[in-house]
Amino acid sequence: MIRAAQDCNSMAELRESIDALDERIVALLAQRKGYIDRAIELKPAEGLPARIPARVDAVLENVRRAAAEHDLDPDLVAALWTQLIDWSIAREAQKITPE
């Protein structure tokens, strides 16, 4: 069960909530991977390469803004997303042949 941080009265409760949140985050990352897999199918038909620099910039701008709105360090979130984006592009590049 995920409790609000202020409702955790022990480290055990806090850790239980963190573990549950981590599981949700992993599930969301798996869901995001499904979209990457769909991009692998769609990009060749549209003549698009795996890496589209303007899209990478837009995604990083979006997550930086979201991080700031949620009182997170935008640099940290951008660094995490850069790794995620690089992994996604490498996954796509294995299947997509540039035109």
PDB file of N, CA and C in Angstrom:
ATOM      1  N   MET A   1       0.847  -1.170   0.000  1.00  0.00           N
ATOM      2  CA  MET A   1       0.000   0.000   0.000  1.00  0.00           C
ATOM      3  C   MET A   1       0.902   1.245   0.000  1.00  0.00           C
ATOM      4  N   ILE A   2       0.472   2.248  -0.742  1.00  0.00           N
ATOM      5  CA  ILE A   2       1.227   3.502  -0.777  1.00  0.00           C
ATOM      6  C   ILE A   2       0.527   4.517   0.120  1.00  0.00           C
ATOM      7  N   ARG A   3       1.256   4.946   1.107  1.00  0.00           N
ATOM      8  CA  ARG A   3       0.758   5.990   2.013  1.00  0.00           C
ATOM      9  C   ARG A   3       1.407   7.313   1.623  1.00  0.00           C
ATOM     10  N   ALA A   4       0.752   8.397   1.914  1.00  0.00           N
ATOM     11  CA  ALA A   4       1.382   9.705   1.774  1.00  0.00           C
ATOM     12  C   ALA A   4       2.582   9.736   2.712  1.00  0.00           C
ATOM     13  N   ALA A   5       3.632  10.407   2.298  1.00  0.00           N
ATOM     14  CA  ALA A   5       4.863  10.429   3.106  1.00  0.00           C
ATOM     15  C   ALA A   5       4.587  10.863   4.540  1.00  0.00           C
ATOM     16  N   GLN A   6       3.764  11.869   4.701  1.00  0.00           N
ATOM     17  CA  GLN A   6       3.486  12.375   6.051  1.00  0.00           C
ATOM     18  C   GLN A   6       2.653  11.396   6.884  1.00  0.00           C
ATOM     19  N   ASP A   7       2.047  10.392   6.236  1.00  0.00           N
ATOM     20  CA  ASP A   7       1.259   9.398   6.960  1.00  0.00           C
ATOM     21  C   ASP A   7       2.074   8.171   7.355  1.00  0.00           C
ATOM     22  N   CYS A   8       3.334   8.127   6.965  1.00  0.00           N
ATOM     23  CA  CYS A   8       4.208   7.027   7.349  1.00  0.00           C
ATOM     24  C   CYS A   8       4.751   7.312   8.743  1.00  0.00           C
ATOM     25  N   ASN A   9       4.498   6.375   9.643  1.00  0.00           N
ATOM     26  CA  ASN A   9       4.893   6.577  11.036  1.00  0.00           C
ATOM     27  C   ASN A   9       6.118   5.774  11.440  1.00  0.00           C
ATOM     28  N   SER A  10       6.686   5.052  10.488  1.00  0.00           N
ATOM     29  CA  SER A  10       7.900   4.283  10.774  1.00  0.00           C
ATOM     30  C   SER A  10       8.681   4.146   9.475  1.00  0.00           C
ATOM     31  N   MET A  11       9.938   3.792   9.616  1.00  0.00           N
ATOM     32  CA  MET A  11      10.758   3.549   8.428  1.00  0.00           C
ATOM     33  C   MET A  11      10.218   2.360   7.641  1.00  0.00           C
ATOM     34  N   ALA A  12       9.662   1.373   8.331  1.00  0.00           N
ATOM     35  CA  ALA A  12       9.101   0.205   7.633  1.00  0.00           C
ATOM     36  C   ALA A  12       7.938   0.635   6.730  1.00  0.00           C
ATOM     37  N   GLU A  13       7.056   1.483   7.236  1.00  0.00           N
ATOM     38  CA  GLU A  13       5.941   1.978   6.426  1.00  0.00           C
ATOM     39  C   GLU A  13       6.450   2.824   5.268  1.00  0.00           C
ATOM     40  N   LEU A  14       7.430   3.650   5.540  1.00  0.00           N
ATOM     41  CA  LEU A  14       8.006   4.501   4.505  1.00  0.00           C
ATOM     42  C   LEU A  14       8.633   3.650   3.399  1.00  0.00           C
ATOM     43  N   ARG A  15       9.397   2.651   3.780  1.00  0.00           N
ATOM     44  CA  ARG A  15      10.043   1.778   2.800  1.00  0.00           C
ATOM     45  C   ARG A  15       9.015   0.988   1.996  1.00  0.00           C
ATOM     46  N   GLU A  16       7.955   0.550   2.647  1.00  0.00           N
ATOM     47  CA  GLU A  16       6.888  -0.169   1.941  1.00  0.00           C
ATOM     48  C   GLU A  16       6.274   0.717   0.856  1.00  0.00           C
ATOM     49  N   SER A  17       6.039   1.971   1.186  1.00  0.00           N
ATOM     50  CA  SER A  17       5.469   2.898   0.210  1.00  0.00           C
ATOM     51  C   SER A  17       6.449   3.201  -0.917  1.00  0.00           C
ATOM     52  N   ILE A  18       7.720   3.372  -0.582  1.00  0.00           N
ATOM     53  CA  ILE A  18       8.734   3.609  -1.613  1.00  0.00           C
ATOM     54  C   ILE A  18       8.825   2.411  -2.546  1.00  0.00           C
ATOM     55  N   ASP A  19       8.826   1.208  -1.990  1.00  0.00           N
ATOM     56  CA  ASP A  19       8.884   0.000  -2.822  1.00  0.00           C
ATOM     57  C   ASP A  19       7.676  -0.094  -3.745  1.00  0.00           C
ATOM     58  N   ALA A  20       6.503   0.249  -3.237  1.00  0.00           N
ATOM     59  CA  ALA A  20       5.288   0.218  -4.061  1.00  0.00           C
ATOM     60  C   ALA A  20       5.358   1.273  -5.172  1.00  0.00           C
ATOM     61  N   LEU A  21       5.884   2.435  -4.843  1.00  0.00           N
ATOM     62  CA  LEU A  21       6.063   3.467  -5.874  1.00  0.00           C
ATOM     63  C   LEU A  21       7.062   3.022  -6.927  1.00  0.00           C
ATOM     64  N   ASP A  22       8.150   2.413  -6.489  1.00  0.00           N
ATOM     65  CA  ASP A  22       9.146   1.911  -7.441  1.00  0.00           C
ATOM     66  C   ASP A  22       8.515   0.908  -8.398  1.00  0.00           C
ATOM     67  N   GLU A  23       7.664   0.040  -7.881  1.00  0.00           N
ATOM     68  CA  GLU A  23       6.989  -0.935  -8.732  1.00  0.00           C
ATOM     69  C   GLU A  23       6.110  -0.231  -9.770  1.00  0.00           C
ATOM     70  N   ARG A  24       5.410   0.813  -9.361  1.00  0.00           N
ATOM     71  CA  ARG A  24       4.592   1.590 -10.309  1.00  0.00           C
ATOM     72  C   ARG A  24       5.449   2.257 -11.370  1.00  0.00           C
ATOM     73  N   ILE A  25       6.584   2.804 -10.943  1.00  0.00           N
ATOM     74  CA  ILE A  25       7.481   3.459 -11.897  1.00  0.00           C
ATOM     75  C   ILE A  25       7.979   2.451 -12.931  1.00  0.00           C
ATOM     76  N   VAL A  26       8.363   1.269 -12.478  1.00  0.00           N
ATOM     77  CA  VAL A  26       8.826   0.227 -13.401  1.00  0.00           C
ATOM     78  C   VAL A  26       7.703  -0.159 -14.360  1.00  0.00           C
ATOM     79  N   ALA A  27       6.493  -0.280 -13.865  1.00  0.00           N
ATOM     80  CA  ALA A  27       5.355  -0.605 -14.732  1.00  0.00           C
ATOM     81  C   ALA A  27       5.143   0.489 -15.779  1.00  0.00           C
ATOM     82  N   LEU A  28       5.293   1.735 -15.392  1.00  0.00           N
ATOM     83  CA  LEU A  28       5.160   2.842 -16.347  1.00  0.00           C
ATOM     84  C   LEU A  28       6.283   2.823 -17.379  1.00  0.00           C
ATOM     85  N   LEU A  29       7.489   2.485 -16.948  1.00  0.00           N
ATOM     86  CA  LEU A  29       8.600   2.372 -17.897  1.00  0.00           C
ATOM     87  C   LEU A  29       8.345   1.239 -18.894  1.00  0.00           C
ATOM     88  N   ALA A  30       7.786   0.142 -18.420  1.00  0.00           N
ATOM     89  CA  ALA A  30       7.445  -0.964 -19.320  1.00  0.00           C
ATOM     90  C   ALA A  30       6.369  -0.520 -20.311  1.00  0.00           C
ATOM     91  N   GLN A  31       5.416   0.253 -19.847  1.00  0.00           N
ATOM     92  CA  GLN A  31       4.379   0.778 -20.731  1.00  0.00           C
ATOM     93  C   GLN A  31       5.000   1.714 -21.772  1.00  0.00           C
ATOM     94  N   ARG A  32       5.939   2.544 -21.340  1.00  0.00           N
ATOM     95  CA  ARG A  32       6.629   3.447 -22.265  1.00  0.00           C
ATOM     96  C   ARG A  32       7.400   2.658 -23.323  1.00  0.00           C
ATOM     97  N   LYS A  33       8.001   1.527 -22.910  1.00  0.00           N
ATOM     98  CA  LYS A  33       8.713   0.668 -23.856  1.00  0.00           C
ATOM     99  C   LYS A  33       7.772   0.179 -24.951  1.00  0.00           C
ATOM    100  N   GLY A  34       6.520  -0.068 -24.606  1.00  0.00           N
ATOM    101  CA  GLY A  34       5.538  -0.468 -25.611  1.00  0.00           C
ATOM    102  C   GLY A  34       5.354   0.588 -26.684  1.00  0.00           C
ATOM    103  N   TYR A  35       5.412   1.849 -26.280  1.00  0.00           N
ATOM    104  CA  TYR A  35       5.319   2.940 -27.251  1.00  0.00           C
ATOM    105  C   TYR A  35       6.568   3.010 -28.125  1.00  0.00           C
ATOM    106  N   ILE A  36       7.709   2.723 -27.533  1.00  0.00           N
ATOM    107  CA  ILE A  36       8.952   2.683 -28.310  1.00  0.00           C
ATOM    108  C   ILE A  36       8.872   1.561 -29.338  1.00  0.00           C
ATOM    109  N   ASP A  37       8.359   0.417 -28.913  1.00  0.00           N
ATOM    110  CA  ASP A  37       8.209  -0.700 -29.847  1.00  0.00           C
ATOM    111  C   ASP A  37       7.249  -0.346 -30.985  1.00  0.00           C
ATOM    112  N   ARG A  38       6.218   0.403 -30.676  1.00  0.00           N
ATOM    113  CA  ARG A  38       5.295   0.844 -31.727  1.00  0.00           C
ATOM    114  C   ARG A  38       5.985   1.831 -32.653  1.00  0.00           C
ATOM    115  N   ALA A  39       6.835   2.693 -32.114  1.00  0.00           N
ATOM    116  CA  ALA A  39       7.594   3.634 -32.953  1.00  0.00           C
ATOM    117  C   ALA A  39       8.477   2.866 -33.938  1.00  0.00           C
ATOM    118  N   ILE A  40       9.010   1.732 -33.496  1.00  0.00           N
ATOM    119  CA  ILE A  40       9.832   0.903 -34.375  1.00  0.00           C
ATOM    120  C   ILE A  40       9.027   0.465 -35.587  1.00  0.00           C
ATOM    121  N   GLU A  41       7.749   0.231 -35.401  1.00  0.00           N
ATOM    122  CA  GLU A  41       6.872  -0.169 -36.503  1.00  0.00           C
ATOM    123  C   GLU A  41       6.475   1.018 -37.382  1.00  0.00           C
ATOM    124  N   LEU A  42       6.261   2.171 -36.766  1.00  0.00           N
ATOM    125  CA  LEU A  42       5.730   3.331 -37.494  1.00  0.00           C
ATOM    126  C   LEU A  42       6.789   4.167 -38.196  1.00  0.00           C
ATOM    127  N   LYS A  43       7.951   4.315 -37.598  1.00  0.00           N
ATOM    128  CA  LYS A  43       8.962   5.206 -38.162  1.00  0.00           C
ATOM    129  C   LYS A  43       9.391   4.837 -39.581  1.00  0.00           C
ATOM    130  N   PRO A  44       9.650   3.567 -39.888  1.00  0.00           N
ATOM    131  CA  PRO A  44      10.061   3.247 -41.265  1.00  0.00           C
ATOM    132  C   PRO A  44       9.005   3.642 -42.302  1.00  0.00           C
ATOM    133  N   ALA A  45       7.751   3.440 -41.982  1.00  0.00           N
ATOM    134  CA  ALA A  45       6.673   3.788 -42.915  1.00  0.00           C
ATOM    135  C   ALA A  45       6.608   5.293 -43.165  1.00  0.00           C
ATOM    136  N   GLU A  46       7.058   6.061 -42.172  1.00  0.00           N
ATOM    137  CA  GLU A  46       7.052   7.518 -42.313  1.00  0.00           C
ATOM    138  C   GLU A  46       8.425   8.055 -42.711  1.00  0.00           C
ATOM    139  N   GLY A  47       9.365   7.153 -42.959  1.00  0.00           N
ATOM    140  CA  GLY A  47      10.697   7.562 -43.382  1.00  0.00           C
ATOM    141  C   GLY A  47      11.488   8.277 -42.304  1.00  0.00           C
ATOM    142  N   LEU A  48      11.225   7.940 -41.054  1.00  0.00           N
ATOM    143  CA  LEU A  48      11.886   8.621 -39.937  1.00  0.00           C
ATOM    144  C   LEU A  48      13.017   7.759 -39.379  1.00  0.00           C
ATOM    145  N   PRO A  49      14.110   8.395 -38.992  1.00  0.00           N
ATOM    146  CA  PRO A  49      15.220   7.674 -38.370  1.00  0.00           C
ATOM    147  C   PRO A  49      14.926   7.410 -36.896  1.00  0.00           C
ATOM    148  N   ALA A  50      15.756   6.599 -36.280  1.00  0.00           N
ATOM    149  CA  ALA A  50      15.596   6.319 -34.853  1.00  0.00           C
ATOM    150  C   ALA A  50      15.771   7.598 -34.032  1.00  0.00           C
ATOM    151  N   ARG A  51      16.820   8.374 -34.321  1.00  0.00           N
ATOM    152  CA  ARG A  51      17.082   9.604 -33.553  1.00  0.00           C
ATOM    153  C   ARG A  51      16.573  10.805 -34.337  1.00  0.00           C
ATOM    154  N   ILE A  52      15.721  11.564 -33.685  1.00  0.00           N
ATOM    155  CA  ILE A  52      15.218  12.813 -34.243  1.00  0.00           C
ATOM    156  C   ILE A  52      15.582  13.900 -33.222  1.00  0.00           C
ATOM    157  N   PRO A  53      16.669  14.633 -33.473  1.00  0.00           N
ATOM    158  CA  PRO A  53      17.180  15.573 -32.464  1.00  0.00           C
ATOM    159  C   PRO A  53      16.138  16.564 -31.932  1.00  0.00           C
ATOM    160  N   ALA A  54      15.278  17.086 -32.780  1.00  0.00           N
ATOM    161  CA  ALA A  54      14.265  18.037 -32.304  1.00  0.00           C
ATOM    162  C   ALA A  54      13.314  17.373 -31.308  1.00  0.00           C
ATOM    163  N   ARG A  55      13.000  16.098 -31.551  1.00  0.00           N
ATOM    164  CA  ARG A  55      12.116  15.372 -30.625  1.00  0.00           C
ATOM    165  C   ARG A  55      12.828  15.110 -29.306  1.00  0.00           C
ATOM    166  N   VAL A  56      14.091  14.754 -29.357  1.00  0.00           N
ATOM    167  CA  VAL A  56      14.865  14.550 -28.135  1.00  0.00           C
ATOM    168  C   VAL A  56      14.862  15.841 -27.309  1.00  0.00           C
ATOM    169  N   ASP A  57      15.123  16.955 -27.971  1.00  0.00           N
ATOM    170  CA  ASP A  57      15.117  18.249 -27.271  1.00  0.00           C
ATOM    171  C   ASP A  57      13.763  18.541 -26.647  1.00  0.00           C
ATOM    172  N   ALA A  58      12.684  18.249 -27.384  1.00  0.00           N
ATOM    173  CA  ALA A  58      11.333  18.513 -26.878  1.00  0.00           C
ATOM    174  C   ALA A  58      11.023  17.648 -25.655  1.00  0.00           C
ATOM    175  N   VAL A  59      11.394  16.378 -25.716  1.00  0.00           N
ATOM    176  CA  VAL A  59      11.143  15.482 -24.582  1.00  0.00           C
ATOM    177  C   VAL A  59      11.896  15.977 -23.348  1.00  0.00           C
ATOM    178  N   LEU A  60      13.152  16.346 -23.530  1.00  0.00           N
ATOM    179  CA  LEU A  60      13.933  16.837 -22.388  1.00  0.00           C
ATOM    180  C   LEU A  60      13.373  18.138 -21.841  1.00  0.00           C
ATOM    181  N   GLU A  61      12.922  19.006 -22.713  1.00  0.00           N
ATOM    182  CA  GLU A  61      12.293  20.253 -22.258  1.00  0.00           C
ATOM    183  C   GLU A  61      11.024  19.943 -21.463  1.00  0.00           C
ATOM    184  N   ASN A  62      10.228  18.994 -21.960  1.00  0.00           N
ATOM    185  CA  ASN A  62       8.991  18.623 -21.269  1.00  0.00           C
ATOM    186  C   ASN A  62       9.259  18.062 -19.880  1.00  0.00           C
ATOM    187  N   VAL A  63      10.247  17.165 -19.766  1.00  0.00           N
ATOM    188  CA  VAL A  63      10.497  16.568 -18.453  1.00  0.00           C
ATOM    189  C   VAL A  63      11.162  17.558 -17.501  1.00  0.00           C
ATOM    190  N   ARG A  64      11.948  18.469 -18.029  1.00  0.00           N
ATOM    191  CA  ARG A  64      12.520  19.516 -17.177  1.00  0.00           C
ATOM    192  C   ARG A  64      11.406  20.389 -16.590  1.00  0.00           C
ATOM    193  N   ARG A  65      10.471  20.753 -17.435  1.00  0.00           N
ATOM    194  CA  ARG A  65       9.347  21.574 -16.978  1.00  0.00           C
ATOM    195  C   ARG A  65       8.520  20.810 -15.941  1.00  0.00           C
ATOM    196  N   ALA A  66       8.221  19.542 -16.227  1.00  0.00           N
ATOM    197  CA  ALA A  66       7.442  18.730 -15.289  1.00  0.00           C
ATOM    198  C   ALA A  66       8.183  18.576 -13.963  1.00  0.00           C
ATOM    199  N   ALA A  67       9.487  18.378 -14.039  1.00  0.00           N
ATOM    200  CA  ALA A  67      10.282  18.247 -12.811  1.00  0.00           C
ATOM    201  C   ALA A  67      10.158  19.503 -11.965  1.00  0.00           C
ATOM    202  N   ALA A  68      10.312  20.647 -12.594  1.00  0.00           N
ATOM    203  CA  ALA A  68      10.218  21.909 -11.849  1.00  0.00           C
ATOM    204  C   ALA A  68       8.832  22.066 -11.225  1.00  0.00           C
ATOM    205  N   GLU A  69       7.798  21.677 -11.957  1.00  0.00           N
ATOM    206  CA  GLU A  69       6.421  21.784 -11.441  1.00  0.00           C
ATOM    207  C   GLU A  69       6.202  20.876 -10.234  1.00  0.00           C
ATOM    208  N   HIS A  70       6.969  19.788 -10.148  1.00  0.00           N
ATOM    209  CA  HIS A  70       6.832  18.832  -9.046  1.00  0.00           C
ATOM    210  C   HIS A  70       7.945  18.985  -8.004  1.00  0.00           C
ATOM    211  N   ASP A  71       8.642  20.110  -8.056  1.00  0.00           N
ATOM    212  CA  ASP A  71       9.688  20.420  -7.088  1.00  0.00           C
ATOM    213  C   ASP A  71      10.809  19.374  -7.086  1.00  0.00           C
ATOM    214  N   LEU A  72      11.155  18.912  -8.307  1.00  0.00           N
ATOM    215  CA  LEU A  72      12.290  18.016  -8.486  1.00  0.00           C
ATOM    216  C   LEU A  72      13.390  18.772  -9.216  1.00  0.00           C
ATOM    217  N   ASP A  73      14.597  18.314  -9.063  1.00  0.00           N
ATOM    218  CA  ASP A  73      15.739  18.917  -9.740  1.00  0.00           C
ATOM    219  C   ASP A  73      15.648  18.621 -11.244  1.00  0.00           C
ATOM    220  N   PRO A  74      15.425  19.646 -12.078  1.00  0.00           N
ATOM    221  CA  PRO A  74      15.320  19.413 -13.524  1.00  0.00           C
ATOM    222  C   PRO A  74      16.572  18.774 -14.129  1.00  0.00           C
ATOM    223  N   ASP A  75      17.752  19.088 -13.591  1.00  0.00           N
ATOM    224  CA  ASP A  75      18.982  18.481 -14.110  1.00  0.00           C
ATOM    225  C   ASP A  75      19.019  16.975 -13.839  1.00  0.00           C
ATOM    226  N   LEU A  76      18.583  16.569 -12.656  1.00  0.00           N
ATOM    227  CA  LEU A  76      18.532  15.153 -12.327  1.00  0.00           C
ATOM    228  C   LEU A  76      17.559  14.424 -13.259  1.00  0.00           C
ATOM    229  N   VAL A  77      16.374  14.986 -13.408  1.00  0.00           N
ATOM    230  CA  VAL A  77      15.358  14.342 -14.247  1.00  0.00           C
ATOM    231  C   VAL A  77      15.832  14.300 -15.705  1.00  0.00           C
ATOM    232  N   ALA A  78      16.435  15.370 -16.183  1.00  0.00           N
ATOM    233  CA  ALA A  78      16.950  15.378 -17.561  1.00  0.00           C
ATOM    234  C   ALA A  78      18.036  14.320 -17.736  1.00  0.00           C
ATOM    235  N   ALA A  79      18.883  14.143 -16.735  1.00  0.00           N
ATOM    236  CA  ALA A  79      19.931  13.117 -16.823  1.00  0.00           C
ATOM    237  C   ALA A  79      19.318  11.721 -16.881  1.00  0.00           C
ATOM    238  N   LEU A  80      18.314  11.469 -16.060  1.00  0.00           N
ATOM    239  CA  LEU A  80      17.634  10.176 -16.091  1.00  0.00           C
ATOM    240  C   LEU A  80      16.963   9.955 -17.442  1.00  0.00           C
ATOM    241  N   TRP A  81      16.306  10.989 -17.947  1.00  0.00           N
ATOM    242  CA  TRP A  81      15.607  10.854 -19.233  1.00  0.00           C
ATOM    243  C   TRP A  81      16.580  10.735 -20.395  1.00  0.00           C
ATOM    244  N   THR A  82      17.717  11.364 -20.290  1.00  0.00           N
ATOM    245  CA  THR A  82      18.714  11.220 -21.347  1.00  0.00           C
ATOM    246  C   THR A  82      19.128   9.761 -21.466  1.00  0.00           C
ATOM    247  N   GLN A  83      19.317   9.101 -20.346  1.00  0.00           N
ATOM    248  CA  GLN A  83      19.661   7.683 -20.382  1.00  0.00           C
ATOM    249  C   GLN A  83      18.508   6.869 -20.962  1.00  0.00           C
ATOM    250  N   LEU A  84      17.290   7.187 -20.568  1.00  0.00           N
ATOM    251  CA  LEU A  84      16.114   6.486 -21.091  1.00  0.00           C
ATOM    252  C   LEU A  84      15.967   6.712 -22.598  1.00  0.00           C
ATOM    253  N   ILE A  85      16.153   7.942 -23.026  1.00  0.00           N
ATOM    254  CA  ILE A  85      16.068   8.269 -24.452  1.00  0.00           C
ATOM    255  C   ILE A  85      17.153   7.542 -25.234  1.00  0.00           C
ATOM    256  N   ASP A  86      18.363   7.559 -24.731  1.00  0.00           N
ATOM    257  CA  ASP A  86      19.462   6.868 -25.420  1.00  0.00           C
ATOM    258  C   ASP A  86      19.169   5.376 -25.552  1.00  0.00           C
ATOM    259  N   TRP A  87      18.643   4.762 -24.504  1.00  0.00           N
ATOM    260  CA  TRP A  87      18.273   3.353 -24.559  1.00  0.00           C
ATOM    261  C   TRP A  87      17.177   3.134 -25.604  1.00  0.00           C
ATOM    262  N   SER A  88      16.180   4.016 -25.607  1.00  0.00           N
ATOM    263  CA  SER A  88      15.067   3.891 -26.546  1.00  0.00           C
ATOM    264  C   SER A  88      15.545   4.008 -27.989  1.00  0.00           C
ATOM    265  N   ILE A  89      16.404   4.980 -28.243  1.00  0.00           N
ATOM    266  CA  ILE A  89      16.911   5.186 -29.602  1.00  0.00           C
ATOM    267  C   ILE A  89      17.773   3.997 -30.034  1.00  0.00           C
ATOM    268  N   ALA A  90      18.585   3.487 -29.143  1.00  0.00           N
ATOM    269  CA  ALA A  90      19.394   2.312 -29.480  1.00  0.00           C
ATOM    270  C   ALA A  90      18.498   1.122 -29.810  1.00  0.00           C
ATOM    271  N   ARG A  91      17.424   0.962 -29.062  1.00  0.00           N
ATOM    272  CA  ARG A  91      16.464  -0.116 -29.313  1.00  0.00           C
ATOM    273  C   ARG A  91      15.847   0.050 -30.701  1.00  0.00           C
ATOM    274  N   GLU A  92      15.430   1.287 -31.005  1.00  0.00           N
ATOM    275  CA  GLU A  92      14.857   1.561 -32.319  1.00  0.00           C
ATOM    276  C   GLU A  92      15.874   1.338 -33.425  1.00  0.00           C
ATOM    277  N   ALA A  93      17.084   1.822 -33.231  1.00  0.00           N
ATOM    278  CA  ALA A  93      18.116   1.754 -34.267  1.00  0.00           C
ATOM    279  C   ALA A  93      18.455   0.323 -34.649  1.00  0.00           C
ATOM    280  N   GLN A  94      18.298  -0.606 -33.717  1.00  0.00           N
ATOM    281  CA  GLN A  94      18.557  -2.013 -34.027  1.00  0.00           C
ATOM    282  C   GLN A  94      17.598  -2.521 -35.099  1.00  0.00           C
ATOM    283  N   LYS A  95      16.412  -1.927 -35.183  1.00  0.00           N
ATOM    284  CA  LYS A  95      15.384  -2.416 -36.095  1.00  0.00           C
ATOM    285  C   LYS A  95      15.155  -1.504 -37.294  1.00  0.00           C
ATOM    286  N   ILE A  96      15.467  -0.221 -37.132  1.00  0.00           N
ATOM    287  CA  ILE A  96      15.174   0.747 -38.189  1.00  0.00           C
ATOM    288  C   ILE A  96      16.427   1.003 -39.000  1.00  0.00           C
ATOM    289  N   THR A  97      16.303   0.868 -40.306  1.00  0.00           N
ATOM    290  CA  THR A  97      17.408   1.190 -41.198  1.00  0.00           C
ATOM    291  C   THR A  97      17.175   2.578 -41.759  1.00  0.00           C
ATOM    292  N   PRO A  98      18.112   3.511 -41.546  1.00  0.00           N
ATOM    293  CA  PRO A  98      17.921   4.860 -42.070  1.00  0.00           C
ATOM    294  C   PRO A  98      17.788   4.856 -43.597  1.00  0.00           C
ATOM    295  N   GLU A  99      16.951   5.724 -44.055  1.00  0.00           N
ATOM    296  CA  GLU A  99      16.716   5.811 -45.507  1.00  0.00           C
ATOM    297  C   GLU A  99      17.721   6.754 -46.138  1.00  0.00           C
TER     298      GLU A  99
END
